[in-house]
Amino acid sequence: MTDDLSRLKWQCRRGTKELDFLLNRYLEIEYPVATRQEQAWFVELLKLEDDKLIEILMGEGFK
């Protein structure tokens, strides 16, 4: 695994099973085939606080 992927995998560790599962699953399956723009969005998503991230991933969007 490259340093970038190792760093992203570490950032996917959030301490809640739901977030850990969703983020790691995306990283393992979708991220490698995503466009550069989609990969950049994922990196930005990982910068969010957990409560905001849960809102977005559970379909409540940005508020």
PDB file of N, CA and C in Angstrom:
ATOM      1  N   MET A   1       0.852  -1.180   0.000  1.00  0.00           N
ATOM      2  CA  MET A   1       0.000   0.000   0.000  1.00  0.00           C
ATOM      3  C   MET A   1       0.894   1.238   0.000  1.00  0.00           C
ATOM      4  N   THR A   2       0.557   2.188  -0.801  1.00  0.00           N
ATOM      5  CA  THR A   2       1.372   3.395  -0.868  1.00  0.00           C
ATOM      6  C   THR A   2       1.205   4.230   0.402  1.00  0.00           C
ATOM      7  N   ASP A   3       2.102   5.181   0.578  1.00  0.00           N
ATOM      8  CA  ASP A   3       2.010   6.056   1.746  1.00  0.00           C
ATOM      9  C   ASP A   3       0.688   6.811   1.772  1.00  0.00           C
ATOM     10  N   ASP A   4       0.232   7.280   0.595  1.00  0.00           N
ATOM     11  CA  ASP A   4      -1.033   8.010   0.535  1.00  0.00           C
ATOM     12  C   ASP A   4      -2.202   7.142   0.970  1.00  0.00           C
ATOM     13  N   LEU A   5      -2.241   5.914   0.497  1.00  0.00           N
ATOM     14  CA  LEU A   5      -3.327   5.017   0.882  1.00  0.00           C
ATOM     15  C   LEU A   5      -3.238   4.648   2.358  1.00  0.00           C
ATOM     16  N   SER A   6      -2.047   4.479   2.860  1.00  0.00           N
ATOM     17  CA  SER A   6      -1.871   4.191   4.294  1.00  0.00           C
ATOM     18  C   SER A   6      -2.384   5.359   5.132  1.00  0.00           C
ATOM     19  N   ARG A   7      -2.061   6.556   4.689  1.00  0.00           N
ATOM     20  CA  ARG A   7      -2.531   7.761   5.398  1.00  0.00           C
ATOM     21  C   ARG A   7      -4.049   7.845   5.366  1.00  0.00           C
ATOM     22  N   LEU A   8      -4.649   7.581   4.204  1.00  0.00           N
ATOM     23  CA  LEU A   8      -6.104   7.621   4.086  1.00  0.00           C
ATOM     24  C   LEU A   8      -6.760   6.536   4.939  1.00  0.00           C
ATOM     25  N   LYS A   9      -6.180   5.358   4.953  1.00  0.00           N
ATOM     26  CA  LYS A   9      -6.728   4.273   5.771  1.00  0.00           C
ATOM     27  C   LYS A   9      -6.726   4.682   7.237  1.00  0.00           C
ATOM     28  N   TRP A  10      -5.658   5.326   7.670  1.00  0.00           N
ATOM     29  CA  TRP A  10      -5.594   5.809   9.048  1.00  0.00           C
ATOM     30  C   TRP A  10      -6.677   6.859   9.301  1.00  0.00           C
ATOM     31  N   GLN A  11      -6.906   7.753   8.352  1.00  0.00           N
ATOM     32  CA  GLN A  11      -7.919   8.794   8.508  1.00  0.00           C
ATOM     33  C   GLN A  11      -9.336   8.229   8.499  1.00  0.00           C
ATOM     34  N   CYS A  12      -9.525   7.050   7.939  1.00  0.00           N
ATOM     35  CA  CYS A  12     -10.840   6.401   7.913  1.00  0.00           C
ATOM     36  C   CYS A  12     -11.205   5.810   9.267  1.00  0.00           C
ATOM     37  N   ARG A  13     -10.253   5.684  10.157  1.00  0.00           N
ATOM     38  CA  ARG A  13     -10.519   5.152  11.486  1.00  0.00           C
ATOM     39  C   ARG A  13     -11.140   6.251  12.333  1.00  0.00           C
ATOM     40  N   ARG A  14     -12.421   6.096  12.643  1.00  0.00           N
ATOM     41  CA  ARG A  14     -13.140   7.154  13.330  1.00  0.00           C
ATOM     42  C   ARG A  14     -13.608   6.786  14.724  1.00  0.00           C
ATOM     43  N   GLY A  15     -13.611   5.520  15.070  1.00  0.00           N
ATOM     44  CA  GLY A  15     -14.045   5.131  16.408  1.00  0.00           C
ATOM     45  C   GLY A  15     -15.496   4.704  16.496  1.00  0.00           C
ATOM     46  N   THR A  16     -16.228   4.811  15.409  1.00  0.00           N
ATOM     47  CA  THR A  16     -17.585   4.260  15.379  1.00  0.00           C
ATOM     48  C   THR A  16     -17.615   3.200  14.285  1.00  0.00           C
ATOM     49  N   LYS A  17     -18.261   2.105  14.587  1.00  0.00           N
ATOM     50  CA  LYS A  17     -18.284   0.992  13.635  1.00  0.00           C
ATOM     51  C   LYS A  17     -18.868   1.405  12.294  1.00  0.00           C
ATOM     52  N   GLU A  18     -19.932   2.204  12.339  1.00  0.00           N
ATOM     53  CA  GLU A  18     -20.607   2.599  11.110  1.00  0.00           C
ATOM     54  C   GLU A  18     -19.697   3.422  10.195  1.00  0.00           C
ATOM     55  N   LEU A  19     -19.066   4.430  10.759  1.00  0.00           N
ATOM     56  CA  LEU A  19     -18.171   5.263   9.951  1.00  0.00           C
ATOM     57  C   LEU A  19     -16.957   4.481   9.486  1.00  0.00           C
ATOM     58  N   ASP A  20     -16.381   3.713  10.373  1.00  0.00           N
ATOM     59  CA  ASP A  20     -15.217   2.903   9.999  1.00  0.00           C
ATOM     60  C   ASP A  20     -15.560   1.987   8.833  1.00  0.00           C
ATOM     61  N   PHE A  21     -16.711   1.324   8.920  1.00  0.00           N
ATOM     62  CA  PHE A  21     -17.122   0.400   7.870  1.00  0.00           C
ATOM     63  C   PHE A  21     -17.329   1.124   6.538  1.00  0.00           C
ATOM     64  N   LEU A  22     -18.109   2.190   6.555  1.00  0.00           N
ATOM     65  CA  LEU A  22     -18.413   2.912   5.317  1.00  0.00           C
ATOM     66  C   LEU A  22     -17.163   3.490   4.661  1.00  0.00           C
ATOM     67  N   LEU A  23     -16.348   4.149   5.438  1.00  0.00           N
ATOM     68  CA  LEU A  23     -15.165   4.807   4.884  1.00  0.00           C
ATOM     69  C   LEU A  23     -14.136   3.803   4.378  1.00  0.00           C
ATOM     70  N   ASN A  24     -13.880   2.759   5.157  1.00  0.00           N
ATOM     71  CA  ASN A  24     -12.904   1.756   4.729  1.00  0.00           C
ATOM     72  C   ASN A  24     -13.395   0.969   3.524  1.00  0.00           C
ATOM     73  N   ARG A  25     -14.679   0.688   3.478  1.00  0.00           N
ATOM     74  CA  ARG A  25     -15.224  -0.036   2.326  1.00  0.00           C
ATOM     75  C   ARG A  25     -15.052   0.803   1.050  1.00  0.00           C
ATOM     76  N   TYR A  26     -15.361   2.098   1.143  1.00  0.00           N
ATOM     77  CA  TYR A  26     -15.157   2.965  -0.019  1.00  0.00           C
ATOM     78  C   TYR A  26     -13.678   2.984  -0.414  1.00  0.00           C
ATOM     79  N   LEU A  27     -12.813   3.146   0.562  1.00  0.00           N
ATOM     80  CA  LEU A  27     -11.380   3.219   0.283  1.00  0.00           C
ATOM     81  C   LEU A  27     -10.877   1.958  -0.408  1.00  0.00           C
ATOM     82  N   GLU A  28     -11.337   0.818   0.025  1.00  0.00           N
ATOM     83  CA  GLU A  28     -10.867  -0.452  -0.532  1.00  0.00           C
ATOM     84  C   GLU A  28     -11.456  -0.782  -1.898  1.00  0.00           C
ATOM     85  N   ILE A  29     -12.726  -0.430  -2.113  1.00  0.00           N
ATOM     86  CA  ILE A  29     -13.420  -0.863  -3.333  1.00  0.00           C
ATOM     87  C   ILE A  29     -13.547   0.241  -4.377  1.00  0.00           C
ATOM     88  N   GLU A  30     -13.998   1.399  -3.967  1.00  0.00           N
ATOM     89  CA  GLU A  30     -14.322   2.466  -4.920  1.00  0.00           C
ATOM     90  C   GLU A  30     -13.172   3.436  -5.179  1.00  0.00           C
ATOM     91  N   TYR A  31     -12.420   3.752  -4.141  1.00  0.00           N
ATOM     92  CA  TYR A  31     -11.353   4.750  -4.287  1.00  0.00           C
ATOM     93  C   TYR A  31     -10.357   4.407  -5.388  1.00  0.00           C
ATOM     94  N   PRO A  32      -9.912   3.146  -5.491  1.00  0.00           N
ATOM     95  CA  PRO A  32      -8.920   2.829  -6.536  1.00  0.00           C
ATOM     96  C   PRO A  32      -9.415   3.065  -7.964  1.00  0.00           C
ATOM     97  N   VAL A  33     -10.716   2.996  -8.187  1.00  0.00           N
ATOM     98  CA  VAL A  33     -11.252   3.186  -9.536  1.00  0.00           C
ATOM     99  C   VAL A  33     -11.939   4.542  -9.712  1.00  0.00           C
ATOM    100  N   ALA A  34     -11.919   5.355  -8.657  1.00  0.00           N
ATOM    101  CA  ALA A  34     -12.547   6.681  -8.724  1.00  0.00           C
ATOM    102  C   ALA A  34     -11.709   7.626  -9.576  1.00  0.00           C
ATOM    103  N   THR A  35     -12.371   8.642 -10.100  1.00  0.00           N
ATOM    104  CA  THR A  35     -11.652   9.678 -10.838  1.00  0.00           C
ATOM    105  C   THR A  35     -10.813  10.488  -9.840  1.00  0.00           C
ATOM    106  N   ARG A  36      -9.880  11.257 -10.356  1.00  0.00           N
ATOM    107  CA  ARG A  36      -9.065  12.106  -9.470  1.00  0.00           C
ATOM    108  C   ARG A  36      -9.933  13.086  -8.695  1.00  0.00           C
ATOM    109  N   GLN A  37     -10.970  13.601  -9.341  1.00  0.00           N
ATOM    110  CA  GLN A  37     -11.875  14.541  -8.659  1.00  0.00           C
ATOM    111  C   GLN A  37     -12.615  13.839  -7.519  1.00  0.00           C
ATOM    112  N   GLU A  38     -13.106  12.635  -7.765  1.00  0.00           N
ATOM    113  CA  GLU A  38     -13.796  11.880  -6.713  1.00  0.00           C
ATOM    114  C   GLU A  38     -12.849  11.547  -5.568  1.00  0.00           C
ATOM    115  N   GLN A  39     -11.623  11.212  -5.884  1.00  0.00           N
ATOM    116  CA  GLN A  39     -10.635  10.945  -4.842  1.00  0.00           C
ATOM    117  C   GLN A  39     -10.374  12.204  -4.017  1.00  0.00           C
ATOM    118  N   ALA A  40     -10.299  13.336  -4.676  1.00  0.00           N
ATOM    119  CA  ALA A  40     -10.082  14.605  -3.970  1.00  0.00           C
ATOM    120  C   ALA A  40     -11.269  14.914  -3.056  1.00  0.00           C
ATOM    121  N   TRP A  41     -12.480  14.649  -3.521  1.00  0.00           N
ATOM    122  CA  TRP A  41     -13.670  14.861  -2.684  1.00  0.00           C
ATOM    123  C   TRP A  41     -13.628  13.973  -1.452  1.00  0.00           C
ATOM    124  N   PHE A  42     -13.191  12.723  -1.623  1.00  0.00           N
ATOM    125  CA  PHE A  42     -13.092  11.805  -0.498  1.00  0.00           C
ATOM    126  C   PHE A  42     -12.089  12.324   0.533  1.00  0.00           C
ATOM    127  N   VAL A  43     -10.970  12.821   0.062  1.00  0.00           N
ATOM    128  CA  VAL A  43      -9.963  13.386   0.960  1.00  0.00           C
ATOM    129  C   VAL A  43     -10.549  14.567   1.734  1.00  0.00           C
ATOM    130  N   GLU A  44     -11.309  15.410   1.067  1.00  0.00           N
ATOM    131  CA  GLU A  44     -11.947  16.550   1.734  1.00  0.00           C
ATOM    132  C   GLU A  44     -12.992  16.070   2.733  1.00  0.00           C
ATOM    133  N   LEU A  45     -13.734  15.041   2.382  1.00  0.00           N
ATOM    134  CA  LEU A  45     -14.750  14.472   3.261  1.00  0.00           C
ATOM    135  C   LEU A  45     -14.130  13.993   4.569  1.00  0.00           C
ATOM    136  N   LEU A  46     -12.952  13.412   4.474  1.00  0.00           N
ATOM    137  CA  LEU A  46     -12.276  12.900   5.663  1.00  0.00           C
ATOM    138  C   LEU A  46     -11.847  14.005   6.620  1.00  0.00           C
ATOM    139  N   LYS A  47     -11.835  15.236   6.168  1.00  0.00           N
ATOM    140  CA  LYS A  47     -11.462  16.364   7.022  1.00  0.00           C
ATOM    141  C   LYS A  47     -12.603  16.817   7.926  1.00  0.00           C
ATOM    142  N   LEU A  48     -13.811  16.346   7.650  1.00  0.00           N
ATOM    143  CA  LEU A  48     -14.978  16.765   8.422  1.00  0.00           C
ATOM    144  C   LEU A  48     -15.019  16.088   9.785  1.00  0.00           C
ATOM    145  N   GLU A  49     -15.698  16.759  10.721  1.00  0.00           N
ATOM    146  CA  GLU A  49     -15.938  16.181  12.037  1.00  0.00           C
ATOM    147  C   GLU A  49     -16.923  15.015  11.887  1.00  0.00           C
ATOM    148  N   ASP A  50     -16.864  14.080  12.822  1.00  0.00           N
ATOM    149  CA  ASP A  50     -17.675  12.867  12.731  1.00  0.00           C
ATOM    150  C   ASP A  50     -19.178  13.147  12.644  1.00  0.00           C
ATOM    151  N   ASP A  51     -19.685  14.086  13.443  1.00  0.00           N
ATOM    152  CA  ASP A  51     -21.126  14.350  13.410  1.00  0.00           C
ATOM    153  C   ASP A  51     -21.577  14.859  12.042  1.00  0.00           C
ATOM    154  N   LYS A  52     -20.788  15.705  11.418  1.00  0.00           N
ATOM    155  CA  LYS A  52     -21.125  16.210  10.081  1.00  0.00           C
ATOM    156  C   LYS A  52     -21.000  15.090   9.049  1.00  0.00           C
ATOM    157  N   LEU A  53     -19.985  14.290   9.200  1.00  0.00           N
ATOM    158  CA  LEU A  53     -19.760  13.171   8.296  1.00  0.00           C
ATOM    159  C   LEU A  53     -20.921  12.170   8.346  1.00  0.00           C
ATOM    160  N   ILE A  54     -21.401  11.878   9.544  1.00  0.00           N
ATOM    161  CA  ILE A  54     -22.556  10.980   9.687  1.00  0.00           C
ATOM    162  C   ILE A  54     -23.765  11.564   8.989  1.00  0.00           C
ATOM    163  N   GLU A  55     -24.021  12.860   9.166  1.00  0.00           N
ATOM    164  CA  GLU A  55     -25.148  13.521   8.493  1.00  0.00           C
ATOM    165  C   GLU A  55     -25.066  13.330   6.982  1.00  0.00           C
ATOM    166  N   ILE A  56     -23.903  13.558   6.431  1.00  0.00           N
ATOM    167  CA  ILE A  56     -23.720  13.465   4.979  1.00  0.00           C
ATOM    168  C   ILE A  56     -23.866  12.031   4.502  1.00  0.00           C
ATOM    169  N   LEU A  57     -23.201  11.107   5.155  1.00  0.00           N
ATOM    170  CA  LEU A  57     -23.228   9.724   4.710  1.00  0.00           C
ATOM    171  C   LEU A  57     -24.560   9.038   4.922  1.00  0.00           C
ATOM    172  N   MET A  58     -25.350   9.539   5.861  1.00  0.00           N
ATOM    173  CA  MET A  58     -26.667   8.966   6.104  1.00  0.00           C
ATOM    174  C   MET A  58     -27.760   9.667   5.290  1.00  0.00           C
ATOM    175  N   GLY A  59     -27.321  10.550   4.379  1.00  0.00           N
ATOM    176  CA  GLY A  59     -28.259  11.143   3.438  1.00  0.00           C
ATOM    177  C   GLY A  59     -28.889  12.445   3.853  1.00  0.00           C
ATOM    178  N   GLU A  60     -28.420  13.063   4.929  1.00  0.00           N
ATOM    179  CA  GLU A  60     -29.014  14.310   5.361  1.00  0.00           C
ATOM    180  C   GLU A  60     -28.361  15.524   4.721  1.00  0.00           C
ATOM    181  N   GLY A  61     -27.230  15.328   4.042  1.00  0.00           N
ATOM    182  CA  GLY A  61     -26.571  16.393   3.297  1.00  0.00           C
ATOM    183  C   GLY A  61     -25.981  17.486   4.152  1.00  0.00           C
ATOM    184  N   PHE A  62     -25.521  18.528   3.494  1.00  0.00           N
ATOM    185  CA  PHE A  62     -24.938  19.670   4.195  1.00  0.00           C
ATOM    186  C   PHE A  62     -26.031  20.538   4.762  1.00  0.00           C
ATOM    187  N   LYS A  63     -25.818  21.060   5.967  1.00  0.00           N
ATOM    188  CA  LYS A  63     -26.789  21.975   6.592  1.00  0.00           C
ATOM    189  C   LYS A  63     -26.094  23.257   6.931  1.00  0.00           C
TER     190      LYS A  63
END
